[in-house]
Amino acid sequence: MARTAWVNNGIPNGLCEDMGGAILFPQGGKKISQAVGWLGFAWNWSRYQLWHALGYPAAAPFNGQRLFDTQASFAYLESGLGCSLKPQAIGCDMTGGCSGGPWIWQFGSNNYVNGHNSYRANNHPEEMYSPYFGNEANSLWSSLLKGTP
């Protein structure tokens, strides 16, 4: 399941709502969260946070074989996209392959997903962008919780 704006508009116009999720069948009587753990979900929080951005970057100089954790705070808003909730940037050197990795807020204590590795702009190669997790993200999360595989 994905946000309609992302599905209909793609890159670059849908990047403001580049969000999706999946509903999975239990295996062996267990939900995936019971087998591998889970993260909380946070929305409508201030952009001025410290996140742990996780991912498996595969493009040089990385090889996709290790999980990387980039700790970074809010840097600025993406100004080139015409959306009301502009994506936010953090300093991050991860490359292609890390897409979809979570931005975890309150890492090590509460572990809330509050963003994700969405894209890097060619003119800002040392930054990673995530859509803002506002009401749109909560709407997607709520739809996923109501769904069945």
N, C-alpha and C. Protein backbone atom coordinates (compact mmCIF):
# COMPACT_ATOMS: atom_id res chain seq x y z
N MET A 1 0.86 -1.16 0.00
CA MET A 1 0.00 0.00 0.00
C MET A 1 0.91 1.23 0.00
N ALA A 2 0.56 2.21 -0.80
CA ALA A 2 1.37 3.43 -0.90
C ALA A 2 0.44 4.64 -0.97
N ARG A 3 0.99 5.80 -0.71
CA ARG A 3 0.23 7.04 -0.81
C ARG A 3 -0.10 7.30 -2.28
N THR A 4 -1.31 7.76 -2.54
CA THR A 4 -1.78 8.00 -3.90
C THR A 4 -0.91 9.02 -4.63
N ALA A 5 -0.49 10.07 -3.94
CA ALA A 5 0.34 11.09 -4.60
C ALA A 5 1.65 10.49 -5.12
N TRP A 6 2.22 9.55 -4.38
CA TRP A 6 3.45 8.90 -4.82
C TRP A 6 3.17 8.01 -6.03
N VAL A 7 2.11 7.22 -5.96
CA VAL A 7 1.77 6.32 -7.06
C VAL A 7 1.45 7.10 -8.33
N ASN A 8 0.67 8.16 -8.21
CA ASN A 8 0.24 8.92 -9.38
C ASN A 8 1.31 9.84 -9.96
N ASN A 9 2.20 10.36 -9.12
CA ASN A 9 3.14 11.39 -9.56
C ASN A 9 4.60 10.97 -9.61
N GLY A 10 4.99 9.96 -8.85
CA GLY A 10 6.37 9.46 -8.88
C GLY A 10 7.41 10.54 -8.64
N ILE A 11 8.55 10.40 -9.32
CA ILE A 11 9.66 11.33 -9.15
C ILE A 11 9.55 12.43 -10.20
N PRO A 12 9.67 13.69 -9.87
CA PRO A 12 9.93 14.26 -8.56
C PRO A 12 8.66 14.68 -7.81
N ASN A 13 7.53 14.81 -8.50
CA ASN A 13 6.36 15.44 -7.88
C ASN A 13 5.70 14.64 -6.76
N GLY A 14 5.96 13.35 -6.68
CA GLY A 14 5.37 12.55 -5.62
C GLY A 14 6.27 12.34 -4.43
N LEU A 15 7.49 12.88 -4.47
CA LEU A 15 8.44 12.64 -3.39
C LEU A 15 7.98 13.13 -2.02
N CYS A 16 7.08 14.08 -2.00
CA CYS A 16 6.57 14.59 -0.73
C CYS A 16 5.80 13.52 0.03
N GLU A 17 5.28 12.52 -0.71
CA GLU A 17 4.51 11.44 -0.08
C GLU A 17 5.06 10.08 -0.49
N ASP A 18 6.36 9.97 -0.60
CA ASP A 18 7.03 8.70 -0.91
C ASP A 18 6.99 7.82 0.33
N MET A 19 5.84 7.15 0.52
CA MET A 19 5.63 6.29 1.69
C MET A 19 4.84 5.07 1.28
N GLY A 20 5.14 3.95 1.89
CA GLY A 20 4.40 2.74 1.62
C GLY A 20 4.58 1.75 2.75
N GLY A 21 3.80 0.70 2.72
CA GLY A 21 3.89 -0.34 3.72
C GLY A 21 3.25 -1.61 3.19
N ALA A 22 3.42 -2.69 3.92
CA ALA A 22 2.89 -3.98 3.49
C ALA A 22 2.20 -4.67 4.65
N ILE A 23 1.21 -5.47 4.31
CA ILE A 23 0.53 -6.33 5.26
C ILE A 23 0.97 -7.75 4.94
N LEU A 24 1.49 -8.46 5.94
CA LEU A 24 2.05 -9.78 5.71
C LEU A 24 1.24 -10.85 6.42
N PHE A 25 1.18 -12.04 5.83
CA PHE A 25 0.53 -13.18 6.47
C PHE A 25 1.40 -13.69 7.60
N PRO A 26 0.80 -14.10 8.71
CA PRO A 26 1.59 -14.75 9.77
C PRO A 26 2.23 -16.05 9.23
N GLN A 27 3.39 -16.37 9.75
CA GLN A 27 4.09 -17.60 9.40
C GLN A 27 4.29 -18.41 10.67
N GLY A 28 3.89 -19.66 10.63
CA GLY A 28 4.04 -20.50 11.82
C GLY A 28 3.27 -19.95 13.00
N GLY A 29 2.16 -19.28 12.72
CA GLY A 29 1.34 -18.71 13.80
C GLY A 29 1.88 -17.43 14.40
N LYS A 30 2.95 -16.87 13.82
CA LYS A 30 3.55 -15.65 14.36
C LYS A 30 3.48 -14.53 13.35
N LYS A 31 3.20 -13.34 13.87
CA LYS A 31 3.34 -12.14 13.05
C LYS A 31 4.82 -11.85 12.90
N ILE A 32 5.18 -11.13 11.84
CA ILE A 32 6.60 -10.82 11.61
C ILE A 32 7.19 -10.03 12.79
N SER A 33 6.39 -9.18 13.41
CA SER A 33 6.88 -8.40 14.55
C SER A 33 7.24 -9.30 15.73
N GLN A 34 6.57 -10.43 15.86
CA GLN A 34 6.89 -11.38 16.94
C GLN A 34 8.18 -12.13 16.64
N ALA A 35 8.50 -12.27 15.35
CA ALA A 35 9.69 -13.00 14.97
C ALA A 35 10.95 -12.14 14.94
N VAL A 36 10.83 -10.89 14.47
CA VAL A 36 12.02 -10.07 14.28
C VAL A 36 12.01 -8.76 15.06
N GLY A 37 10.93 -8.45 15.74
CA GLY A 37 10.83 -7.19 16.47
C GLY A 37 10.09 -6.14 15.66
N TRP A 38 9.91 -4.98 16.25
CA TRP A 38 9.16 -3.92 15.58
C TRP A 38 9.60 -2.57 16.11
N LEU A 39 9.24 -1.54 15.36
CA LEU A 39 9.51 -0.16 15.74
C LEU A 39 8.19 0.54 15.95
N GLY A 40 8.17 1.51 16.86
CA GLY A 40 6.98 2.34 17.02
C GLY A 40 6.84 3.28 15.84
N PHE A 41 5.79 4.07 15.84
CA PHE A 41 5.52 4.99 14.73
C PHE A 41 5.16 6.35 15.32
N ALA A 42 5.79 7.42 14.82
CA ALA A 42 5.53 8.77 15.33
C ALA A 42 5.23 9.69 14.15
N TRP A 43 4.26 10.58 14.33
CA TRP A 43 3.91 11.53 13.28
C TRP A 43 3.56 12.87 13.91
N ASN A 44 3.63 13.93 13.10
CA ASN A 44 3.34 15.30 13.52
C ASN A 44 4.27 15.80 14.62
N TRP A 45 5.47 15.30 14.68
CA TRP A 45 6.45 15.80 15.63
C TRP A 45 7.27 16.91 14.97
N SER A 46 7.92 17.68 15.78
CA SER A 46 8.80 18.73 15.28
C SER A 46 9.85 18.14 14.34
N ARG A 47 10.23 18.92 13.35
CA ARG A 47 11.31 18.49 12.46
C ARG A 47 12.66 18.56 13.15
N TYR A 48 12.75 19.28 14.23
CA TYR A 48 14.03 19.49 14.92
C TYR A 48 14.28 18.32 15.87
N GLN A 49 14.74 17.22 15.29
CA GLN A 49 14.99 15.99 16.02
C GLN A 49 16.39 15.47 15.70
N LEU A 50 16.82 14.50 16.48
CA LEU A 50 18.01 13.71 16.16
C LEU A 50 17.51 12.34 15.75
N TRP A 51 17.90 11.91 14.55
CA TRP A 51 17.49 10.60 14.05
C TRP A 51 18.71 9.70 13.89
N HIS A 52 18.45 8.41 13.92
CA HIS A 52 19.39 7.39 13.49
C HIS A 52 18.83 6.87 12.17
N ALA A 53 19.46 7.23 11.07
CA ALA A 53 19.03 6.76 9.74
C ALA A 53 19.77 5.45 9.47
N LEU A 54 19.01 4.39 9.24
CA LEU A 54 19.59 3.07 9.01
C LEU A 54 19.44 2.67 7.55
N GLY A 55 20.41 1.94 7.05
CA GLY A 55 20.30 1.47 5.68
C GLY A 55 21.49 0.61 5.28
N TYR A 56 21.32 -0.05 4.14
CA TYR A 56 22.35 -0.89 3.54
C TYR A 56 22.80 -0.27 2.22
N PRO A 57 23.59 0.80 2.27
CA PRO A 57 24.01 1.44 1.03
C PRO A 57 24.86 0.49 0.18
N ALA A 58 24.58 0.47 -1.11
CA ALA A 58 25.26 -0.47 -1.99
C ALA A 58 26.12 0.20 -3.06
N ALA A 59 25.83 1.44 -3.41
CA ALA A 59 26.65 2.13 -4.41
C ALA A 59 27.96 2.58 -3.77
N ALA A 60 29.01 2.66 -4.58
CA ALA A 60 30.35 3.03 -4.10
C ALA A 60 30.28 4.28 -3.22
N PRO A 61 31.02 4.31 -2.14
CA PRO A 61 32.07 3.40 -1.72
C PRO A 61 31.57 2.22 -0.88
N PHE A 62 30.26 2.03 -0.78
CA PHE A 62 29.69 0.94 0.02
C PHE A 62 29.44 -0.28 -0.87
N ASN A 63 29.10 -1.42 -0.23
CA ASN A 63 28.85 -2.63 -1.02
C ASN A 63 27.53 -3.33 -0.67
N GLY A 64 26.72 -2.73 0.20
CA GLY A 64 25.42 -3.31 0.54
C GLY A 64 25.48 -4.47 1.52
N GLN A 65 26.64 -4.77 2.04
CA GLN A 65 26.80 -5.93 2.92
C GLN A 65 26.65 -5.63 4.41
N ARG A 66 26.63 -4.33 4.77
CA ARG A 66 26.57 -3.96 6.18
C ARG A 66 25.48 -2.94 6.42
N LEU A 67 24.89 -3.03 7.59
CA LEU A 67 23.93 -2.02 8.03
C LEU A 67 24.70 -0.81 8.54
N PHE A 68 24.34 0.38 8.06
CA PHE A 68 24.96 1.61 8.53
C PHE A 68 23.95 2.41 9.32
N ASP A 69 24.45 3.11 10.32
CA ASP A 69 23.64 3.97 11.18
C ASP A 69 24.23 5.36 11.12
N THR A 70 23.51 6.29 10.48
CA THR A 70 23.95 7.67 10.42
C THR A 70 23.13 8.47 11.43
N GLN A 71 23.80 9.06 12.39
CA GLN A 71 23.12 9.90 13.38
C GLN A 71 23.17 11.33 12.88
N ALA A 72 21.99 11.93 12.74
CA ALA A 72 21.94 13.29 12.18
C ALA A 72 20.70 14.02 12.67
N SER A 73 20.81 15.32 12.69
CA SER A 73 19.70 16.18 13.06
C SER A 73 19.15 16.86 11.81
N PHE A 74 17.99 17.45 11.95
CA PHE A 74 17.35 18.20 10.87
C PHE A 74 18.33 19.24 10.32
N ALA A 75 18.42 19.30 8.98
CA ALA A 75 19.29 20.28 8.34
C ALA A 75 18.47 21.39 7.70
N TYR A 76 17.53 21.06 6.82
CA TYR A 76 16.71 22.07 6.14
C TYR A 76 15.57 21.37 5.41
N LEU A 77 14.67 22.18 4.84
CA LEU A 77 13.56 21.68 4.04
C LEU A 77 13.92 21.70 2.57
N GLU A 78 13.43 20.71 1.83
CA GLU A 78 13.59 20.68 0.37
C GLU A 78 12.71 21.78 -0.21
N SER A 79 13.29 22.69 -0.93
CA SER A 79 12.52 23.84 -1.43
C SER A 79 12.09 23.68 -2.88
N GLY A 80 12.64 22.71 -3.60
CA GLY A 80 12.38 22.61 -5.02
C GLY A 80 11.09 21.89 -5.39
N LEU A 81 10.41 21.31 -4.43
CA LEU A 81 9.18 20.58 -4.72
C LEU A 81 7.98 21.42 -4.33
N GLY A 82 6.94 21.35 -5.13
CA GLY A 82 5.75 22.16 -4.87
C GLY A 82 4.72 21.46 -4.01
N CYS A 83 5.07 21.16 -2.79
CA CYS A 83 4.12 20.50 -1.90
C CYS A 83 4.04 21.26 -0.58
N SER A 84 2.93 21.11 0.10
CA SER A 84 2.74 21.87 1.33
C SER A 84 3.63 21.34 2.46
N LEU A 85 3.78 20.04 2.59
CA LEU A 85 4.68 19.47 3.59
C LEU A 85 5.97 19.05 2.90
N LYS A 86 6.93 19.94 2.93
CA LYS A 86 8.17 19.72 2.20
C LYS A 86 9.01 18.63 2.87
N PRO A 87 9.68 17.78 2.06
CA PRO A 87 10.60 16.81 2.63
C PRO A 87 11.69 17.50 3.42
N GLN A 88 12.24 16.77 4.37
CA GLN A 88 13.29 17.30 5.24
C GLN A 88 14.60 16.58 4.95
N ALA A 89 15.70 17.29 5.16
CA ALA A 89 17.02 16.75 4.88
C ALA A 89 17.82 16.60 6.16
N ILE A 90 18.69 15.58 6.14
CA ILE A 90 19.70 15.39 7.17
C ILE A 90 21.03 15.19 6.47
N GLY A 91 22.12 15.46 7.16
CA GLY A 91 23.43 15.14 6.62
C GLY A 91 23.61 13.63 6.63
N CYS A 92 23.99 13.06 5.48
CA CYS A 92 24.07 11.60 5.38
C CYS A 92 24.86 11.23 4.13
N ASP A 93 25.85 10.36 4.27
CA ASP A 93 26.64 9.97 3.11
C ASP A 93 26.25 8.61 2.55
N MET A 94 25.16 8.02 3.02
CA MET A 94 24.73 6.73 2.47
C MET A 94 24.34 6.91 1.01
N THR A 95 24.53 5.86 0.23
CA THR A 95 24.28 5.89 -1.21
C THR A 95 23.11 4.98 -1.56
N GLY A 96 22.88 4.79 -2.86
CA GLY A 96 21.81 3.93 -3.33
C GLY A 96 21.85 2.56 -2.69
N GLY A 97 20.69 2.03 -2.39
CA GLY A 97 20.57 0.76 -1.69
C GLY A 97 20.02 0.94 -0.30
N CYS A 98 20.16 2.14 0.25
CA CYS A 98 19.67 2.39 1.61
C CYS A 98 18.22 2.86 1.62
N SER A 99 17.63 3.03 0.44
CA SER A 99 16.27 3.56 0.35
C SER A 99 15.29 2.74 1.18
N GLY A 100 14.40 3.45 1.86
CA GLY A 100 13.39 2.80 2.69
C GLY A 100 13.85 2.54 4.10
N GLY A 101 15.14 2.69 4.36
CA GLY A 101 15.64 2.48 5.72
C GLY A 101 15.03 3.51 6.66
N PRO A 102 14.71 3.12 7.89
CA PRO A 102 14.02 4.02 8.80
C PRO A 102 14.90 5.12 9.37
N TRP A 103 14.25 6.25 9.66
CA TRP A 103 14.84 7.28 10.51
C TRP A 103 14.21 7.05 11.87
N ILE A 104 15.02 6.62 12.82
CA ILE A 104 14.50 6.26 14.13
C ILE A 104 14.72 7.42 15.10
N TRP A 105 13.64 7.84 15.70
CA TRP A 105 13.64 8.91 16.69
C TRP A 105 13.59 8.23 18.06
N GLN A 106 14.34 8.75 19.01
CA GLN A 106 14.49 8.19 20.35
C GLN A 106 15.08 6.78 20.29
N PHE A 107 16.13 6.65 19.47
CA PHE A 107 16.81 5.37 19.26
C PHE A 107 17.34 4.82 20.58
N GLY A 108 17.09 3.55 20.81
CA GLY A 108 17.60 2.89 22.01
C GLY A 108 16.68 2.97 23.20
N SER A 109 15.66 3.83 23.14
CA SER A 109 14.72 3.91 24.27
C SER A 109 13.31 3.58 23.81
N ASN A 110 12.76 4.37 22.91
CA ASN A 110 11.40 4.12 22.42
C ASN A 110 11.38 3.62 20.97
N ASN A 111 12.36 4.02 20.17
CA ASN A 111 12.51 3.52 18.80
C ASN A 111 11.29 3.76 17.91
N TYR A 112 11.02 5.02 17.63
CA TYR A 112 9.91 5.39 16.75
C TYR A 112 10.41 5.67 15.34
N VAL A 113 9.77 5.09 14.33
CA VAL A 113 10.02 5.49 12.95
C VAL A 113 9.37 6.85 12.75
N ASN A 114 10.17 7.82 12.27
CA ASN A 114 9.66 9.18 12.08
C ASN A 114 10.22 9.78 10.79
N GLY A 115 10.51 8.93 9.83
CA GLY A 115 11.04 9.33 8.54
C GLY A 115 11.72 8.12 7.92
N HIS A 116 12.19 8.27 6.68
CA HIS A 116 12.92 7.17 6.04
C HIS A 116 13.80 7.71 4.92
N ASN A 117 14.80 6.91 4.55
CA ASN A 117 15.69 7.27 3.45
C ASN A 117 14.90 7.23 2.16
N SER A 118 14.60 8.39 1.61
CA SER A 118 13.80 8.46 0.40
C SER A 118 14.66 8.74 -0.83
N TYR A 119 15.42 9.84 -0.81
CA TYR A 119 16.20 10.20 -1.99
C TYR A 119 17.32 11.17 -1.62
N ARG A 120 18.27 11.28 -2.55
CA ARG A 120 19.34 12.28 -2.46
C ARG A 120 19.24 13.15 -3.71
N ALA A 121 19.47 14.41 -3.56
CA ALA A 121 19.46 15.33 -4.70
C ALA A 121 20.86 15.40 -5.29
N ASN A 122 20.97 15.46 -6.60
CA ASN A 122 22.28 15.51 -7.26
C ASN A 122 23.11 16.70 -6.81
N ASN A 123 22.45 17.82 -6.52
CA ASN A 123 23.19 19.02 -6.10
C ASN A 123 23.48 19.04 -4.60
N HIS A 124 23.03 18.02 -3.87
CA HIS A 124 23.31 17.89 -2.43
C HIS A 124 23.65 16.44 -2.12
N PRO A 125 24.81 15.95 -2.58
CA PRO A 125 25.13 14.53 -2.45
C PRO A 125 25.44 14.05 -1.04
N GLU A 126 25.57 14.95 -0.10
CA GLU A 126 25.87 14.55 1.28
C GLU A 126 24.64 14.68 2.19
N GLU A 127 23.47 14.70 1.59
CA GLU A 127 22.24 14.80 2.37
C GLU A 127 21.25 13.74 1.93
N MET A 128 20.41 13.33 2.84
CA MET A 128 19.33 12.38 2.58
C MET A 128 18.03 13.07 2.92
N TYR A 129 17.00 12.78 2.13
CA TYR A 129 15.69 13.39 2.32
C TYR A 129 14.66 12.34 2.73
N SER A 130 13.71 12.80 3.50
CA SER A 130 12.55 11.99 3.89
C SER A 130 11.31 12.85 3.79
N PRO A 131 10.18 12.26 3.39
CA PRO A 131 8.94 13.03 3.51
C PRO A 131 8.68 13.29 5.00
N TYR A 132 8.04 14.40 5.28
CA TYR A 132 7.64 14.68 6.66
C TYR A 132 6.55 13.69 7.05
N PHE A 133 6.68 13.09 8.21
CA PHE A 133 5.66 12.16 8.70
C PHE A 133 4.59 12.94 9.46
N GLY A 134 3.62 13.44 8.71
CA GLY A 134 2.49 14.18 9.27
C GLY A 134 1.23 13.36 9.16
N ASN A 135 0.10 14.03 8.96
CA ASN A 135 -1.19 13.35 8.88
C ASN A 135 -1.24 12.36 7.72
N GLU A 136 -0.52 12.64 6.63
CA GLU A 136 -0.51 11.73 5.49
C GLU A 136 0.12 10.39 5.88
N ALA A 137 1.21 10.45 6.60
CA ALA A 137 1.86 9.21 7.06
C ALA A 137 0.96 8.47 8.04
N ASN A 138 0.31 9.20 8.93
CA ASN A 138 -0.58 8.56 9.88
C ASN A 138 -1.77 7.90 9.17
N SER A 139 -2.28 8.54 8.12
CA SER A 139 -3.38 7.96 7.35
C SER A 139 -2.95 6.62 6.74
N LEU A 140 -1.75 6.57 6.17
CA LEU A 140 -1.24 5.33 5.60
C LEU A 140 -1.09 4.27 6.69
N TRP A 141 -0.50 4.65 7.82
CA TRP A 141 -0.29 3.73 8.95
C TRP A 141 -1.63 3.18 9.42
N SER A 142 -2.63 4.04 9.58
CA SER A 142 -3.95 3.61 10.03
C SER A 142 -4.58 2.64 9.04
N SER A 143 -4.43 2.91 7.75
CA SER A 143 -4.96 2.01 6.72
C SER A 143 -4.29 0.64 6.79
N LEU A 144 -3.00 0.63 7.01
CA LEU A 144 -2.29 -0.63 7.13
C LEU A 144 -2.76 -1.43 8.35
N LEU A 145 -2.97 -0.72 9.46
CA LEU A 145 -3.41 -1.41 10.67
C LEU A 145 -4.80 -2.03 10.51
N LYS A 146 -5.64 -1.43 9.69
CA LYS A 146 -7.00 -1.94 9.46
C LYS A 146 -7.04 -3.08 8.45
N GLY A 147 -5.97 -3.17 7.65
CA GLY A 147 -5.96 -4.14 6.56
C GLY A 147 -5.71 -5.56 7.01
N THR A 148 -6.01 -6.47 6.13
CA THR A 148 -5.71 -7.88 6.34
C THR A 148 -5.03 -8.40 5.08
N PRO A 149 -4.12 -9.36 5.26
CA PRO A 149 -3.43 -9.89 4.08
C PRO A 149 -4.35 -10.69 3.18
